[in-house]
Amino acid sequence: NFFRMFDRNTKRDVTLEASRENSKPRAILKPRKVCVGGKRRKDEISVDSLDFSKKILHTAWHPSENIIAVAATNNLYIFQDKVN
């Protein structure tokens, strides 16, 4: 369950994954880049590995804080941007 977030001010985007295998409570998510072909780096994922049969069922976000909630199958993921 990959999803993309966009920053309206900077016009930047980030691809993240909502997955039970990759997430632990309070773990920091690593942005992933989608590569089209050839060799890929550790932080990149192949276009062929994207599974469009998995769906994010619901997404909600806080209007003034950098927090989003993503529901996929029987799981709820809450992501918060940590500002250092």
PDB file of N, CA and C in Angstrom:
ATOM      1  N   ASN A   1       0.833  -1.184   0.000  1.00  0.00           N
ATOM      2  CA  ASN A   1       0.000   0.000   0.000  1.00  0.00           C
ATOM      3  C   ASN A   1       0.878   1.248   0.000  1.00  0.00           C
ATOM      4  N   PHE A   2       1.292   1.624  -1.153  1.00  0.00           N
ATOM      5  CA  PHE A   2       2.091   2.836  -1.294  1.00  0.00           C
ATOM      6  C   PHE A   2       1.162   4.026  -1.468  1.00  0.00           C
ATOM      7  N   PHE A   3       1.539   5.147  -0.919  1.00  0.00           N
ATOM      8  CA  PHE A   3       0.774   6.363  -1.127  1.00  0.00           C
ATOM      9  C   PHE A   3       1.732   7.537  -1.244  1.00  0.00           C
ATOM     10  N   ARG A   4       1.258   8.583  -1.901  1.00  0.00           N
ATOM     11  CA  ARG A   4       2.092   9.768  -2.110  1.00  0.00           C
ATOM     12  C   ARG A   4       1.475  10.952  -1.397  1.00  0.00           C
ATOM     13  N   MET A   5       2.337  11.756  -0.807  1.00  0.00           N
ATOM     14  CA  MET A   5       1.903  12.994  -0.168  1.00  0.00           C
ATOM     15  C   MET A   5       2.575  14.149  -0.891  1.00  0.00           C
ATOM     16  N   PHE A   6       1.836  15.226  -1.024  1.00  0.00           N
ATOM     17  CA  PHE A   6       2.336  16.402  -1.722  1.00  0.00           C
ATOM     18  C   PHE A   6       2.306  17.603  -0.794  1.00  0.00           C
ATOM     19  N   ASP A   7       3.372  18.390  -0.831  1.00  0.00           N
ATOM     20  CA  ASP A   7       3.433  19.641  -0.086  1.00  0.00           C
ATOM     21  C   ASP A   7       3.008  20.754  -1.032  1.00  0.00           C
ATOM     22  N   ARG A   8       1.926  21.424  -0.700  1.00  0.00           N
ATOM     23  CA  ARG A   8       1.420  22.468  -1.596  1.00  0.00           C
ATOM     24  C   ARG A   8       2.347  23.669  -1.685  1.00  0.00           C
ATOM     25  N   ASN A   9       3.072  23.963  -0.627  1.00  0.00           N
ATOM     26  CA  ASN A   9       3.948  25.137  -0.631  1.00  0.00           C
ATOM     27  C   ASN A   9       5.206  24.914  -1.459  1.00  0.00           C
ATOM     28  N   THR A  10       5.860  23.779  -1.260  1.00  0.00           N
ATOM     29  CA  THR A  10       7.132  23.529  -1.954  1.00  0.00           C
ATOM     30  C   THR A  10       6.956  22.734  -3.238  1.00  0.00           C
ATOM     31  N   LYS A  11       5.746  22.214  -3.478  1.00  0.00           N
ATOM     32  CA  LYS A  11       5.460  21.400  -4.671  1.00  0.00           C
ATOM     33  C   LYS A  11       6.261  20.094  -4.681  1.00  0.00           C
ATOM     34  N   ARG A  12       6.698  19.638  -3.520  1.00  0.00           N
ATOM     35  CA  ARG A  12       7.440  18.379  -3.418  1.00  0.00           C
ATOM     36  C   ARG A  12       6.489  17.249  -3.073  1.00  0.00           C
ATOM     37  N   ASP A  13       6.904  16.033  -3.431  1.00  0.00           N
ATOM     38  CA  ASP A  13       6.107  14.862  -3.099  1.00  0.00           C
ATOM     39  C   ASP A  13       7.001  13.814  -2.461  1.00  0.00           C
ATOM     40  N   VAL A  14       6.369  12.897  -1.742  1.00  0.00           N
ATOM     41  CA  VAL A  14       7.086  11.794  -1.121  1.00  0.00           C
ATOM     42  C   VAL A  14       6.196  10.556  -1.230  1.00  0.00           C
ATOM     43  N   THR A  15       6.807   9.412  -1.521  1.00  0.00           N
ATOM     44  CA  THR A  15       6.093   8.140  -1.601  1.00  0.00           C
ATOM     45  C   THR A  15       6.420   7.333  -0.351  1.00  0.00           C
ATOM     46  N   LEU A  16       5.383   6.881   0.356  1.00  0.00           N
ATOM     47  CA  LEU A  16       5.551   6.107   1.579  1.00  0.00           C
ATOM     48  C   LEU A  16       4.760   4.811   1.458  1.00  0.00           C
ATOM     49  N   GLU A  17       5.034   3.879   2.360  1.00  0.00           N
ATOM     50  CA  GLU A  17       4.352   2.589   2.329  1.00  0.00           C
ATOM     51  C   GLU A  17       3.657   2.326   3.655  1.00  0.00           C
ATOM     52  N   ALA A  18       2.370   1.997   3.589  1.00  0.00           N
ATOM     53  CA  ALA A  18       1.614   1.572   4.766  1.00  0.00           C
ATOM     54  C   ALA A  18       1.571   0.051   4.736  1.00  0.00           C
ATOM     55  N   SER A  19       2.378  -0.578   5.590  1.00  0.00           N
ATOM     56  CA  SER A  19       2.498  -2.029   5.563  1.00  0.00           C
ATOM     57  C   SER A  19       2.817  -2.549   6.956  1.00  0.00           C
ATOM     58  N   ARG A  20       2.243  -3.685   7.305  1.00  0.00           N
ATOM     59  CA  ARG A  20       2.529  -4.291   8.609  1.00  0.00           C
ATOM     60  C   ARG A  20       3.972  -4.761   8.699  1.00  0.00           C
ATOM     61  N   GLU A  21       4.529  -5.215   7.587  1.00  0.00           N
ATOM     62  CA  GLU A  21       5.893  -5.727   7.594  1.00  0.00           C
ATOM     63  C   GLU A  21       6.918  -4.618   7.822  1.00  0.00           C
ATOM     64  N   ASN A  22       6.627  -3.434   7.335  1.00  0.00           N
ATOM     65  CA  ASN A  22       7.609  -2.355   7.378  1.00  0.00           C
ATOM     66  C   ASN A  22       7.394  -1.369   8.512  1.00  0.00           C
ATOM     67  N   SER A  23       6.345  -1.537   9.285  1.00  0.00           N
ATOM     68  CA  SER A  23       6.072  -0.515  10.288  1.00  0.00           C
ATOM     69  C   SER A  23       6.076  -1.091  11.693  1.00  0.00           C
ATOM     70  N   LYS A  24       6.709  -0.383  12.559  1.00  0.00           N
ATOM     71  CA  LYS A  24       6.696  -0.663  13.980  1.00  0.00           C
ATOM     72  C   LYS A  24       6.210   0.612  14.648  1.00  0.00           C
ATOM     73  N   PRO A  25       5.619   0.507  15.832  1.00  0.00           N
ATOM     74  CA  PRO A  25       5.168   1.731  16.499  1.00  0.00           C
ATOM     75  C   PRO A  25       6.307   2.739  16.655  1.00  0.00           C
ATOM     76  N   ARG A  26       6.015   3.947  16.316  1.00  0.00           N
ATOM     77  CA  ARG A  26       6.934   5.087  16.428  1.00  0.00           C
ATOM     78  C   ARG A  26       8.161   4.968  15.530  1.00  0.00           C
ATOM     79  N   ALA A  27       8.098   4.112  14.532  1.00  0.00           N
ATOM     80  CA  ALA A  27       9.215   3.982  13.593  1.00  0.00           C
ATOM     81  C   ALA A  27       9.155   5.108  12.571  1.00  0.00           C
ATOM     82  N   ILE A  28      10.305   5.548  12.129  1.00  0.00           N
ATOM     83  CA  ILE A  28      10.386   6.598  11.120  1.00  0.00           C
ATOM     84  C   ILE A  28      10.306   5.950   9.747  1.00  0.00           C
ATOM     85  N   LEU A  29       9.380   6.438   8.926  1.00  0.00           N
ATOM     86  CA  LEU A  29       9.241   5.910   7.572  1.00  0.00           C
ATOM     87  C   LEU A  29      10.294   6.514   6.668  1.00  0.00           C
ATOM     88  N   LYS A  30      10.811   5.697   5.794  1.00  0.00           N
ATOM     89  CA  LYS A  30      11.801   6.176   4.835  1.00  0.00           C
ATOM     90  C   LYS A  30      11.101   6.438   3.510  1.00  0.00           C
ATOM     91  N   PRO A  31      11.332   7.613   2.929  1.00  0.00           N
ATOM     92  CA  PRO A  31      10.734   7.880   1.617  1.00  0.00           C
ATOM     93  C   PRO A  31      11.257   6.896   0.586  1.00  0.00           C
ATOM     94  N   ARG A  32      10.418   6.537  -0.372  1.00  0.00           N
ATOM     95  CA  ARG A  32      10.795   5.604  -1.424  1.00  0.00           C
ATOM     96  C   ARG A  32      10.625   6.287  -2.767  1.00  0.00           C
ATOM     97  N   LYS A  33      11.555   6.070  -3.661  1.00  0.00           N
ATOM     98  CA  LYS A  33      11.462   6.583  -5.019  1.00  0.00           C
ATOM     99  C   LYS A  33      11.099   5.429  -5.937  1.00  0.00           C
ATOM    100  N   VAL A  34      10.257   5.712  -6.922  1.00  0.00           N
ATOM    101  CA  VAL A  34       9.873   4.696  -7.899  1.00  0.00           C
ATOM    102  C   VAL A  34      10.790   4.840  -9.098  1.00  0.00           C
ATOM    103  N   CYS A  35      11.517   3.763  -9.425  1.00  0.00           N
ATOM    104  CA  CYS A  35      12.414   3.800 -10.579  1.00  0.00           C
ATOM    105  C   CYS A  35      11.767   3.048 -11.737  1.00  0.00           C
ATOM    106  N   VAL A  36      12.042   3.519 -12.940  1.00  0.00           N
ATOM    107  CA  VAL A  36      11.391   2.973 -14.123  1.00  0.00           C
ATOM    108  C   VAL A  36      12.065   1.704 -14.611  1.00  0.00           C
ATOM    109  N   GLY A  37      13.360   1.629 -14.570  1.00  0.00           N
ATOM    110  CA  GLY A  37      14.034   0.427 -15.053  1.00  0.00           C
ATOM    111  C   GLY A  37      15.500   0.442 -14.690  1.00  0.00           C
ATOM    112  N   GLY A  38      16.177  -0.634 -15.065  1.00  0.00           N
ATOM    113  CA  GLY A  38      17.607  -0.727 -14.799  1.00  0.00           C
ATOM    114  C   GLY A  38      17.899  -0.988 -13.341  1.00  0.00           C
ATOM    115  N   LYS A  39      19.095  -0.636 -12.929  1.00  0.00           N
ATOM    116  CA  LYS A  39      19.498  -0.842 -11.544  1.00  0.00           C
ATOM    117  C   LYS A  39      18.787   0.159 -10.649  1.00  0.00           C
ATOM    118  N   ARG A  40      18.499  -0.304  -9.446  1.00  0.00           N
ATOM    119  CA  ARG A  40      17.859   0.586  -8.491  1.00  0.00           C
ATOM    120  C   ARG A  40      18.653   0.601  -7.198  1.00  0.00           C
ATOM    121  N   ARG A  41      18.550   1.721  -6.509  1.00  0.00           N
ATOM    122  CA  ARG A  41      19.233   1.859  -5.227  1.00  0.00           C
ATOM    123  C   ARG A  41      18.362   1.289  -4.110  1.00  0.00           C
ATOM    124  N   LYS A  42      18.913   1.266  -2.908  1.00  0.00           N
ATOM    125  CA  LYS A  42      18.224   0.667  -1.768  1.00  0.00           C
ATOM    126  C   LYS A  42      16.918   1.392  -1.431  1.00  0.00           C
ATOM    127  N   ASP A  43      16.887   2.716  -1.592  1.00  0.00           N
ATOM    128  CA  ASP A  43      15.694   3.482  -1.245  1.00  0.00           C
ATOM    129  C   ASP A  43      14.688   3.567  -2.388  1.00  0.00           C
ATOM    130  N   GLU A  44      14.913   2.836  -3.473  1.00  0.00           N
ATOM    131  CA  GLU A  44      14.020   2.869  -4.624  1.00  0.00           C
ATOM    132  C   GLU A  44      13.230   1.566  -4.731  1.00  0.00           C
ATOM    133  N   ILE A  45      12.058   1.672  -5.338  1.00  0.00           N
ATOM    134  CA  ILE A  45      11.244   0.496  -5.610  1.00  0.00           C
ATOM    135  C   ILE A  45      10.990   0.427  -7.106  1.00  0.00           C
ATOM    136  N   SER A  46      10.839  -0.768  -7.608  1.00  0.00           N
ATOM    137  CA  SER A  46      10.607  -0.978  -9.032  1.00  0.00           C
ATOM    138  C   SER A  46       9.136  -0.753  -9.358  1.00  0.00           C
ATOM    139  N   VAL A  47       8.868  -0.260 -10.547  1.00  0.00           N
ATOM    140  CA  VAL A  47       7.487  -0.073 -10.992  1.00  0.00           C
ATOM    141  C   VAL A  47       6.757  -1.408 -10.995  1.00  0.00           C
ATOM    142  N   ASP A  48       7.456  -2.480 -11.333  1.00  0.00           N
ATOM    143  CA  ASP A  48       6.847  -3.806 -11.396  1.00  0.00           C
ATOM    144  C   ASP A  48       6.418  -4.330 -10.028  1.00  0.00           C
ATOM    145  N   SER A  49       7.001  -3.809  -8.946  1.00  0.00           N
ATOM    146  CA  SER A  49       6.654  -4.294  -7.615  1.00  0.00           C
ATOM    147  C   SER A  49       5.408  -3.613  -7.045  1.00  0.00           C
ATOM    148  N   LEU A  50       4.883  -2.602  -7.716  1.00  0.00           N
ATOM    149  CA  LEU A  50       3.680  -1.931  -7.233  1.00  0.00           C
ATOM    150  C   LEU A  50       2.470  -2.829  -7.464  1.00  0.00           C
ATOM    151  N   ASP A  51       1.714  -3.078  -6.413  1.00  0.00           N
ATOM    152  CA  ASP A  51       0.538  -3.950  -6.486  1.00  0.00           C
ATOM    153  C   ASP A  51      -0.713  -3.082  -6.404  1.00  0.00           C
ATOM    154  N   PHE A  52      -1.367  -2.897  -7.543  1.00  0.00           N
ATOM    155  CA  PHE A  52      -2.539  -2.034  -7.585  1.00  0.00           C
ATOM    156  C   PHE A  52      -3.806  -2.745  -7.127  1.00  0.00           C
ATOM    157  N   SER A  53      -3.715  -4.022  -6.745  1.00  0.00           N
ATOM    158  CA  SER A  53      -4.884  -4.714  -6.207  1.00  0.00           C
ATOM    159  C   SER A  53      -5.085  -4.388  -4.727  1.00  0.00           C
ATOM    160  N   LYS A  54      -4.039  -3.912  -4.053  1.00  0.00           N
ATOM    161  CA  LYS A  54      -4.160  -3.484  -2.666  1.00  0.00           C
ATOM    162  C   LYS A  54      -4.637  -2.039  -2.663  1.00  0.00           C
ATOM    163  N   LYS A  55      -5.615  -1.766  -1.847  1.00  0.00           N
ATOM    164  CA  LYS A  55      -6.223  -0.444  -1.847  1.00  0.00           C
ATOM    165  C   LYS A  55      -6.139   0.198  -0.469  1.00  0.00           C
ATOM    166  N   ILE A  56      -5.933   1.497  -0.471  1.00  0.00           N
ATOM    167  CA  ILE A  56      -6.101   2.284   0.741  1.00  0.00           C
ATOM    168  C   ILE A  56      -7.577   2.651   0.779  1.00  0.00           C
ATOM    169  N   LEU A  57      -8.264   2.227   1.828  1.00  0.00           N
ATOM    170  CA  LEU A  57      -9.710   2.376   1.883  1.00  0.00           C
ATOM    171  C   LEU A  57     -10.152   3.758   2.328  1.00  0.00           C
ATOM    172  N   HIS A  58      -9.380   4.391   3.198  1.00  0.00           N
ATOM    173  CA  HIS A  58      -9.776   5.707   3.700  1.00  0.00           C
ATOM    174  C   HIS A  58      -8.533   6.482   4.113  1.00  0.00           C
ATOM    175  N   THR A  59      -8.551   7.759   3.854  1.00  0.00           N
ATOM    176  CA  THR A  59      -7.464   8.647   4.258  1.00  0.00           C
ATOM    177  C   THR A  59      -8.068   9.896   4.877  1.00  0.00           C
ATOM    178  N   ALA A  60      -7.495  10.344   5.982  1.00  0.00           N
ATOM    179  CA  ALA A  60      -7.936  11.581   6.623  1.00  0.00           C
ATOM    180  C   ALA A  60      -6.705  12.333   7.092  1.00  0.00           C
ATOM    181  N   TRP A  61      -6.800  13.650   7.155  1.00  0.00           N
ATOM    182  CA  TRP A  61      -5.669  14.459   7.584  1.00  0.00           C
ATOM    183  C   TRP A  61      -6.151  15.577   8.478  1.00  0.00           C
ATOM    184  N   HIS A  62      -5.255  16.028   9.326  1.00  0.00           N
ATOM    185  CA  HIS A  62      -5.545  17.120  10.243  1.00  0.00           C
ATOM    186  C   HIS A  62      -5.405  18.432   9.483  1.00  0.00           C
ATOM    187  N   PRO A  63      -6.310  19.374   9.685  1.00  0.00           N
ATOM    188  CA  PRO A  63      -6.265  20.613   8.898  1.00  0.00           C
ATOM    189  C   PRO A  63      -5.076  21.525   9.191  1.00  0.00           C
ATOM    190  N   SER A  64      -4.522  21.461  10.393  1.00  0.00           N
ATOM    191  CA  SER A  64      -3.419  22.379  10.690  1.00  0.00           C
ATOM    192  C   SER A  64      -2.134  21.692  11.150  1.00  0.00           C
ATOM    193  N   GLU A  65      -2.189  20.410  11.490  1.00  0.00           N
ATOM    194  CA  GLU A  65      -1.003  19.658  11.900  1.00  0.00           C
ATOM    195  C   GLU A  65      -0.594  18.710  10.777  1.00  0.00           C
ATOM    196  N   ASN A  66       0.651  18.274  10.785  1.00  0.00           N
ATOM    197  CA  ASN A  66       1.149  17.334   9.779  1.00  0.00           C
ATOM    198  C   ASN A  66       0.904  15.898  10.228  1.00  0.00           C
ATOM    199  N   ILE A  67      -0.371  15.528  10.289  1.00  0.00           N
ATOM    200  CA  ILE A  67      -0.775  14.187  10.701  1.00  0.00           C
ATOM    201  C   ILE A  67      -1.785  13.659   9.688  1.00  0.00           C
ATOM    202  N   ILE A  68      -1.577  12.408   9.237  1.00  0.00           N
ATOM    203  CA  ILE A  68      -2.567  11.762   8.378  1.00  0.00           C
ATOM    204  C   ILE A  68      -2.862  10.371   8.924  1.00  0.00           C
ATOM    205  N   ALA A  69      -4.053   9.885   8.634  1.00  0.00           N
ATOM    206  CA  ALA A  69      -4.457   8.529   8.994  1.00  0.00           C
ATOM    207  C   ALA A  69      -4.816   7.800   7.710  1.00  0.00           C
ATOM    208  N   VAL A  70      -4.312   6.575   7.579  1.00  0.00           N
ATOM    209  CA  VAL A  70      -4.540   5.767   6.386  1.00  0.00           C
ATOM    210  C   VAL A  70      -5.105   4.425   6.838  1.00  0.00           C
ATOM    211  N   ALA A  71      -6.240   4.025   6.259  1.00  0.00           N
ATOM    212  CA  ALA A  71      -6.847   2.735   6.573  1.00  0.00           C
ATOM    213  C   ALA A  71      -6.709   1.818   5.369  1.00  0.00           C
ATOM    214  N   ALA A  72      -6.112   0.649   5.604  1.00  0.00           N
ATOM    215  CA  ALA A  72      -5.942  -0.355   4.554  1.00  0.00           C
ATOM    216  C   ALA A  72      -6.297  -1.707   5.149  1.00  0.00           C
ATOM    217  N   THR A  73      -7.177  -2.431   4.517  1.00  0.00           N
ATOM    218  CA  THR A  73      -7.725  -3.702   4.996  1.00  0.00           C
ATOM    219  C   THR A  73      -8.183  -3.546   6.444  1.00  0.00           C
ATOM    220  N   ASN A  74      -7.635  -4.293   7.381  1.00  0.00           N
ATOM    221  CA  ASN A  74      -8.046  -4.200   8.788  1.00  0.00           C
ATOM    222  C   ASN A  74      -7.053  -3.418   9.629  1.00  0.00           C
ATOM    223  N   ASN A  75      -6.268  -2.559   9.016  1.00  0.00           N
ATOM    224  CA  ASN A  75      -5.223  -1.834   9.731  1.00  0.00           C
ATOM    225  C   ASN A  75      -5.416  -0.333   9.588  1.00  0.00           C
ATOM    226  N   LEU A  76      -5.077   0.376  10.653  1.00  0.00           N
ATOM    227  CA  LEU A  76      -5.101   1.832  10.636  1.00  0.00           C
ATOM    228  C   LEU A  76      -3.690   2.321  10.928  1.00  0.00           C
ATOM    229  N   TYR A  77      -3.160   3.139  10.043  1.00  0.00           N
ATOM    230  CA  TYR A  77      -1.820   3.699  10.199  1.00  0.00           C
ATOM    231  C   TYR A  77      -1.953   5.196  10.418  1.00  0.00           C
ATOM    232  N   ILE A  78      -1.233   5.708  11.399  1.00  0.00           N
ATOM    233  CA  ILE A  78      -1.223   7.146  11.660  1.00  0.00           C
ATOM    234  C   ILE A  78       0.203   7.624  11.472  1.00  0.00           C
ATOM    235  N   PHE A  79       0.356   8.605  10.599  1.00  0.00           N
ATOM    236  CA  PHE A  79       1.667   9.152  10.276  1.00  0.00           C
ATOM    237  C   PHE A  79       1.727  10.601  10.722  1.00  0.00           C
ATOM    238  N   GLN A  80       2.839  10.960  11.363  1.00  0.00           N
ATOM    239  CA  GLN A  80       3.037  12.322  11.825  1.00  0.00           C
ATOM    240  C   GLN A  80       4.414  12.781  11.397  1.00  0.00           C
ATOM    241  N   ASP A  81       4.480  13.989  10.862  1.00  0.00           N
ATOM    242  CA  ASP A  81       5.756  14.552  10.443  1.00  0.00           C
ATOM    243  C   ASP A  81       6.495  15.046  11.672  1.00  0.00           C
ATOM    244  N   LYS A  82       7.704  14.570  11.850  1.00  0.00           N
ATOM    245  CA  LYS A  82       8.534  14.992  12.979  1.00  0.00           C
ATOM    246  C   LYS A  82       9.444  16.118  12.533  1.00  0.00           C
ATOM    247  N   VAL A  83       9.339  17.254  13.173  1.00  0.00           N
ATOM    248  CA  VAL A  83      10.191  18.394  12.858  1.00  0.00           C
ATOM    249  C   VAL A  83      11.306  18.432  13.884  1.00  0.00           C
ATOM    250  N   ASN A  84      12.546  18.397  13.400  1.00  0.00           N
ATOM    251  CA  ASN A  84      13.696  18.406  14.321  1.00  0.00           C
ATOM    252  C   ASN A  84      14.114  19.808  14.626  1.00  0.00           C
TER     253      ASN A  84
END
